[in-house]
Amino acid sequence: MHNPEKFYGGHINYLKQQHQSRCLLQLKKNYHIQKEKPFPAVFKSRLDGPSVAWNVFKRLSLAASFADSCTKDCMVFSFEERVPENPGQRLFLVT
């Protein structure tokens, strides 16, 4: 079994400690930044932000009627669900 300390010398432990202390310092900085500016509890619907409505439908007609009934502009997206018991199931996301 090769020993990295034997190959690189005792310097490897110093580098590990230095890297760990830098990571810990960065983690503390990120923690304080997030604490000062927390995420809002309620997201407002806007063009550059998250949508309020996120619903998945199995039929296009249901998705289209839901999108039409929403007060805000909604769009319908199609995607395929990939699960072993039902491959290729098409679903419709309204957002």
N, C-alpha and C. Protein backbone atom coordinates (compact mmCIF):
# COMPACT_ATOMS: atom_id res chain seq x y z
N MET A 1 0.84 -1.18 0.00
CA MET A 1 0.00 0.00 0.00
C MET A 1 0.89 1.24 0.00
N HIS A 2 0.60 2.16 -0.86
CA HIS A 2 1.39 3.39 -0.95
C HIS A 2 0.89 4.41 0.06
N ASN A 3 1.80 5.11 0.65
CA ASN A 3 1.48 6.11 1.64
C ASN A 3 1.77 7.49 1.05
N PRO A 4 0.75 8.36 0.87
CA PRO A 4 0.99 9.66 0.27
C PRO A 4 1.93 10.53 1.11
N GLU A 5 1.87 10.38 2.43
CA GLU A 5 2.76 11.17 3.28
C GLU A 5 4.21 10.80 3.06
N LYS A 6 4.45 9.51 2.83
CA LYS A 6 5.81 9.06 2.60
C LYS A 6 6.32 9.58 1.26
N PHE A 7 5.43 9.60 0.24
CA PHE A 7 5.82 10.05 -1.09
C PHE A 7 6.00 11.57 -1.13
N TYR A 8 4.99 12.30 -0.59
CA TYR A 8 5.02 13.76 -0.66
C TYR A 8 5.75 14.40 0.53
N GLY A 9 5.98 13.64 1.56
CA GLY A 9 6.59 14.19 2.76
C GLY A 9 5.52 14.72 3.69
N GLY A 10 5.92 15.33 4.79
CA GLY A 10 4.98 15.85 5.77
C GLY A 10 4.21 17.05 5.28
N HIS A 11 4.58 17.59 4.14
CA HIS A 11 3.94 18.79 3.58
C HIS A 11 2.48 18.54 3.22
N ILE A 12 2.12 17.27 2.94
CA ILE A 12 0.74 16.96 2.53
C ILE A 12 -0.25 17.26 3.64
N ASN A 13 0.11 17.02 4.89
CA ASN A 13 -0.79 17.32 6.00
C ASN A 13 -1.04 18.81 6.12
N TYR A 14 0.01 19.60 5.91
CA TYR A 14 -0.13 21.05 5.96
C TYR A 14 -1.08 21.54 4.87
N LEU A 15 -0.96 20.98 3.66
CA LEU A 15 -1.83 21.38 2.55
C LEU A 15 -3.28 20.99 2.83
N LYS A 16 -3.50 19.82 3.42
CA LYS A 16 -4.87 19.39 3.76
C LYS A 16 -5.48 20.35 4.77
N GLN A 17 -4.72 20.68 5.80
CA GLN A 17 -5.23 21.58 6.83
C GLN A 17 -5.52 22.97 6.25
N GLN A 18 -4.66 23.43 5.38
CA GLN A 18 -4.85 24.73 4.75
C GLN A 18 -6.12 24.74 3.89
N HIS A 19 -6.33 23.66 3.13
CA HIS A 19 -7.52 23.55 2.29
C HIS A 19 -8.78 23.49 3.15
N GLN A 20 -8.74 22.72 4.22
CA GLN A 20 -9.90 22.60 5.10
C GLN A 20 -10.23 23.93 5.76
N SER A 21 -9.21 24.67 6.17
CA SER A 21 -9.48 25.96 6.81
C SER A 21 -10.06 26.96 5.80
N ARG A 22 -9.60 26.92 4.54
CA ARG A 22 -10.18 27.80 3.51
C ARG A 22 -11.63 27.44 3.25
N CYS A 23 -11.93 26.14 3.18
CA CYS A 23 -13.31 25.71 2.95
C CYS A 23 -14.21 26.12 4.11
N LEU A 24 -13.72 25.96 5.33
CA LEU A 24 -14.50 26.35 6.50
C LEU A 24 -14.75 27.85 6.53
N LEU A 25 -13.76 28.63 6.17
CA LEU A 25 -13.91 30.08 6.11
C LEU A 25 -14.95 30.49 5.07
N GLN A 26 -14.91 29.86 3.89
CA GLN A 26 -15.88 30.15 2.83
C GLN A 26 -17.28 29.74 3.26
N LEU A 27 -17.40 28.62 3.96
CA LEU A 27 -18.69 28.17 4.45
C LEU A 27 -19.27 29.16 5.45
N LYS A 28 -18.44 29.68 6.33
CA LYS A 28 -18.90 30.67 7.30
C LYS A 28 -19.35 31.95 6.61
N LYS A 29 -18.61 32.39 5.58
CA LYS A 29 -19.00 33.58 4.83
C LYS A 29 -20.36 33.39 4.18
N ASN A 30 -20.55 32.23 3.54
CA ASN A 30 -21.82 31.95 2.87
C ASN A 30 -22.97 31.90 3.87
N TYR A 31 -22.71 31.35 5.04
CA TYR A 31 -23.74 31.29 6.09
C TYR A 31 -24.17 32.69 6.49
N HIS A 32 -23.22 33.58 6.70
CA HIS A 32 -23.56 34.95 7.12
C HIS A 32 -24.27 35.71 6.01
N ILE A 33 -23.89 35.49 4.78
CA ILE A 33 -24.58 36.14 3.65
C ILE A 33 -26.03 35.69 3.59
N GLN A 34 -26.27 34.38 3.73
CA GLN A 34 -27.64 33.87 3.68
C GLN A 34 -28.45 34.32 4.88
N LYS A 35 -27.80 34.47 6.01
CA LYS A 35 -28.51 34.91 7.20
C LYS A 35 -28.95 36.37 7.07
N GLU A 36 -28.12 37.20 6.41
CA GLU A 36 -28.47 38.60 6.21
C GLU A 36 -29.55 38.79 5.15
N LYS A 37 -29.54 37.95 4.12
CA LYS A 37 -30.51 38.06 3.03
C LYS A 37 -31.22 36.73 2.84
N PRO A 38 -32.19 36.40 3.70
CA PRO A 38 -32.88 35.11 3.55
C PRO A 38 -33.82 35.12 2.35
N PHE A 39 -34.20 33.93 1.93
CA PHE A 39 -35.16 33.81 0.83
C PHE A 39 -36.52 34.29 1.30
N PRO A 40 -37.29 34.94 0.43
CA PRO A 40 -38.62 35.39 0.83
C PRO A 40 -39.55 34.20 1.06
N ALA A 41 -40.47 34.36 2.00
CA ALA A 41 -41.40 33.28 2.33
C ALA A 41 -42.41 33.06 1.20
N VAL A 42 -42.82 34.15 0.55
CA VAL A 42 -43.81 34.05 -0.52
C VAL A 42 -43.18 34.62 -1.79
N PHE A 43 -43.24 33.83 -2.86
CA PHE A 43 -42.72 34.29 -4.14
C PHE A 43 -43.84 35.00 -4.91
N LYS A 44 -43.53 36.15 -5.47
CA LYS A 44 -44.49 36.86 -6.28
C LYS A 44 -44.35 36.42 -7.73
N SER A 45 -45.47 36.30 -8.42
CA SER A 45 -45.44 35.92 -9.82
C SER A 45 -44.94 37.10 -10.64
N ARG A 46 -43.88 36.86 -11.38
CA ARG A 46 -43.34 37.90 -12.25
C ARG A 46 -42.60 37.22 -13.39
N LEU A 47 -42.26 38.00 -14.38
CA LEU A 47 -41.63 37.44 -15.57
C LEU A 47 -40.28 36.81 -15.27
N ASP A 48 -39.48 37.45 -14.44
CA ASP A 48 -38.15 36.94 -14.16
C ASP A 48 -38.08 36.10 -12.88
N GLY A 49 -39.21 35.71 -12.33
CA GLY A 49 -39.22 34.95 -11.08
C GLY A 49 -40.02 33.67 -11.22
N PRO A 50 -40.14 32.95 -10.13
CA PRO A 50 -40.87 31.69 -10.18
C PRO A 50 -42.37 31.91 -10.37
N SER A 51 -42.98 30.96 -11.00
CA SER A 51 -44.41 31.03 -11.28
C SER A 51 -45.20 30.56 -10.06
N VAL A 52 -46.40 31.09 -9.92
CA VAL A 52 -47.26 30.70 -8.81
C VAL A 52 -47.91 29.35 -9.08
N ALA A 53 -48.33 29.10 -10.31
CA ALA A 53 -49.04 27.87 -10.65
C ALA A 53 -48.09 26.85 -11.26
N TRP A 54 -48.07 25.67 -10.68
CA TRP A 54 -47.30 24.54 -11.21
C TRP A 54 -48.19 23.31 -11.07
N ASN A 55 -48.86 22.93 -12.14
CA ASN A 55 -49.73 21.76 -12.09
C ASN A 55 -49.41 20.83 -13.24
N VAL A 56 -49.46 19.54 -12.97
CA VAL A 56 -49.19 18.51 -13.98
C VAL A 56 -50.50 17.79 -14.28
N PHE A 57 -50.77 17.61 -15.58
CA PHE A 57 -51.99 16.94 -16.02
C PHE A 57 -51.64 15.79 -16.95
N LYS A 58 -52.52 14.77 -16.97
CA LYS A 58 -52.30 13.63 -17.87
C LYS A 58 -52.93 13.86 -19.24
N ARG A 59 -53.87 14.80 -19.33
CA ARG A 59 -54.54 15.07 -20.60
C ARG A 59 -54.34 16.53 -21.00
N LEU A 60 -54.11 16.73 -22.29
CA LEU A 60 -53.89 18.07 -22.81
C LEU A 60 -55.12 18.95 -22.63
N SER A 61 -56.31 18.37 -22.81
CA SER A 61 -57.53 19.17 -22.69
C SER A 61 -57.69 19.73 -21.28
N LEU A 62 -57.36 18.93 -20.27
CA LEU A 62 -57.44 19.41 -18.89
C LEU A 62 -56.40 20.51 -18.63
N ALA A 63 -55.20 20.31 -19.16
CA ALA A 63 -54.14 21.30 -18.98
C ALA A 63 -54.51 22.61 -19.66
N ALA A 64 -55.06 22.53 -20.86
CA ALA A 64 -55.43 23.74 -21.60
C ALA A 64 -56.56 24.49 -20.91
N SER A 65 -57.55 23.76 -20.41
CA SER A 65 -58.66 24.44 -19.73
C SER A 65 -58.20 25.08 -18.42
N PHE A 66 -57.27 24.42 -17.72
CA PHE A 66 -56.74 25.02 -16.49
C PHE A 66 -55.94 26.28 -16.81
N ALA A 67 -55.13 26.23 -17.87
CA ALA A 67 -54.33 27.40 -18.26
C ALA A 67 -55.24 28.56 -18.65
N ASP A 68 -56.35 28.27 -19.31
CA ASP A 68 -57.29 29.33 -19.70
C ASP A 68 -58.00 29.93 -18.48
N SER A 69 -58.21 29.12 -17.45
CA SER A 69 -58.94 29.60 -16.27
C SER A 69 -58.07 30.41 -15.32
N CYS A 70 -56.76 30.35 -15.47
CA CYS A 70 -55.86 31.09 -14.58
C CYS A 70 -55.96 32.58 -14.87
N THR A 71 -55.82 33.38 -13.83
CA THR A 71 -55.88 34.83 -14.01
C THR A 71 -54.60 35.36 -14.64
N LYS A 72 -53.48 34.75 -14.35
CA LYS A 72 -52.20 35.16 -14.92
C LYS A 72 -51.96 34.39 -16.22
N ASP A 73 -51.02 34.88 -17.01
CA ASP A 73 -50.66 34.17 -18.23
C ASP A 73 -49.96 32.87 -17.87
N CYS A 74 -50.51 31.77 -18.35
CA CYS A 74 -49.92 30.46 -18.11
C CYS A 74 -49.55 29.83 -19.44
N MET A 75 -48.58 28.96 -19.40
CA MET A 75 -48.16 28.23 -20.59
C MET A 75 -48.25 26.74 -20.29
N VAL A 76 -48.44 25.94 -21.35
CA VAL A 76 -48.51 24.49 -21.22
C VAL A 76 -47.27 23.90 -21.86
N PHE A 77 -46.58 23.05 -21.10
CA PHE A 77 -45.39 22.36 -21.58
C PHE A 77 -45.65 20.87 -21.56
N SER A 78 -45.11 20.17 -22.53
CA SER A 78 -45.26 18.72 -22.62
C SER A 78 -43.92 18.06 -22.31
N PHE A 79 -43.98 16.95 -21.56
CA PHE A 79 -42.77 16.18 -21.29
C PHE A 79 -43.15 14.72 -21.10
N GLU A 80 -42.17 13.85 -21.22
CA GLU A 80 -42.41 12.41 -21.05
C GLU A 80 -41.86 11.96 -19.72
N GLU A 81 -42.69 11.24 -19.00
CA GLU A 81 -42.28 10.68 -17.72
C GLU A 81 -41.54 9.37 -17.99
N ARG A 82 -40.40 9.22 -17.39
CA ARG A 82 -39.60 8.02 -17.61
C ARG A 82 -39.58 7.17 -16.35
N VAL A 83 -40.54 6.29 -16.25
CA VAL A 83 -40.58 5.32 -15.15
C VAL A 83 -40.66 3.94 -15.76
N PRO A 84 -40.06 2.93 -15.13
CA PRO A 84 -40.00 1.59 -15.73
C PRO A 84 -41.37 0.97 -15.99
N GLU A 85 -42.34 1.18 -15.09
CA GLU A 85 -43.64 0.52 -15.27
C GLU A 85 -44.50 1.17 -16.34
N ASN A 86 -44.21 2.40 -16.73
CA ASN A 86 -45.02 3.08 -17.74
C ASN A 86 -44.12 3.98 -18.59
N PRO A 87 -43.32 3.39 -19.48
CA PRO A 87 -42.38 4.21 -20.26
C PRO A 87 -43.09 5.08 -21.29
N GLY A 88 -42.60 6.29 -21.46
CA GLY A 88 -43.12 7.16 -22.50
C GLY A 88 -44.43 7.84 -22.18
N GLN A 89 -44.84 7.89 -20.93
CA GLN A 89 -46.09 8.55 -20.55
C GLN A 89 -45.94 10.05 -20.73
N ARG A 90 -46.74 10.63 -21.58
CA ARG A 90 -46.68 12.07 -21.83
C ARG A 90 -47.53 12.79 -20.79
N LEU A 91 -46.93 13.82 -20.19
CA LEU A 91 -47.63 14.64 -19.21
C LEU A 91 -47.55 16.10 -19.65
N PHE A 92 -48.42 16.91 -19.06
CA PHE A 92 -48.50 18.32 -19.43
C PHE A 92 -48.37 19.18 -18.19
N LEU A 93 -47.40 20.08 -18.22
CA LEU A 93 -47.14 20.98 -17.10
C LEU A 93 -47.71 22.35 -17.45
N VAL A 94 -48.51 22.89 -16.54
CA VAL A 94 -49.05 24.23 -16.71
C VAL A 94 -48.36 25.13 -15.69
N THR A 95 -47.73 26.16 -16.20
CA THR A 95 -47.06 27.11 -15.32
C THR A 95 -47.12 28.50 -15.92
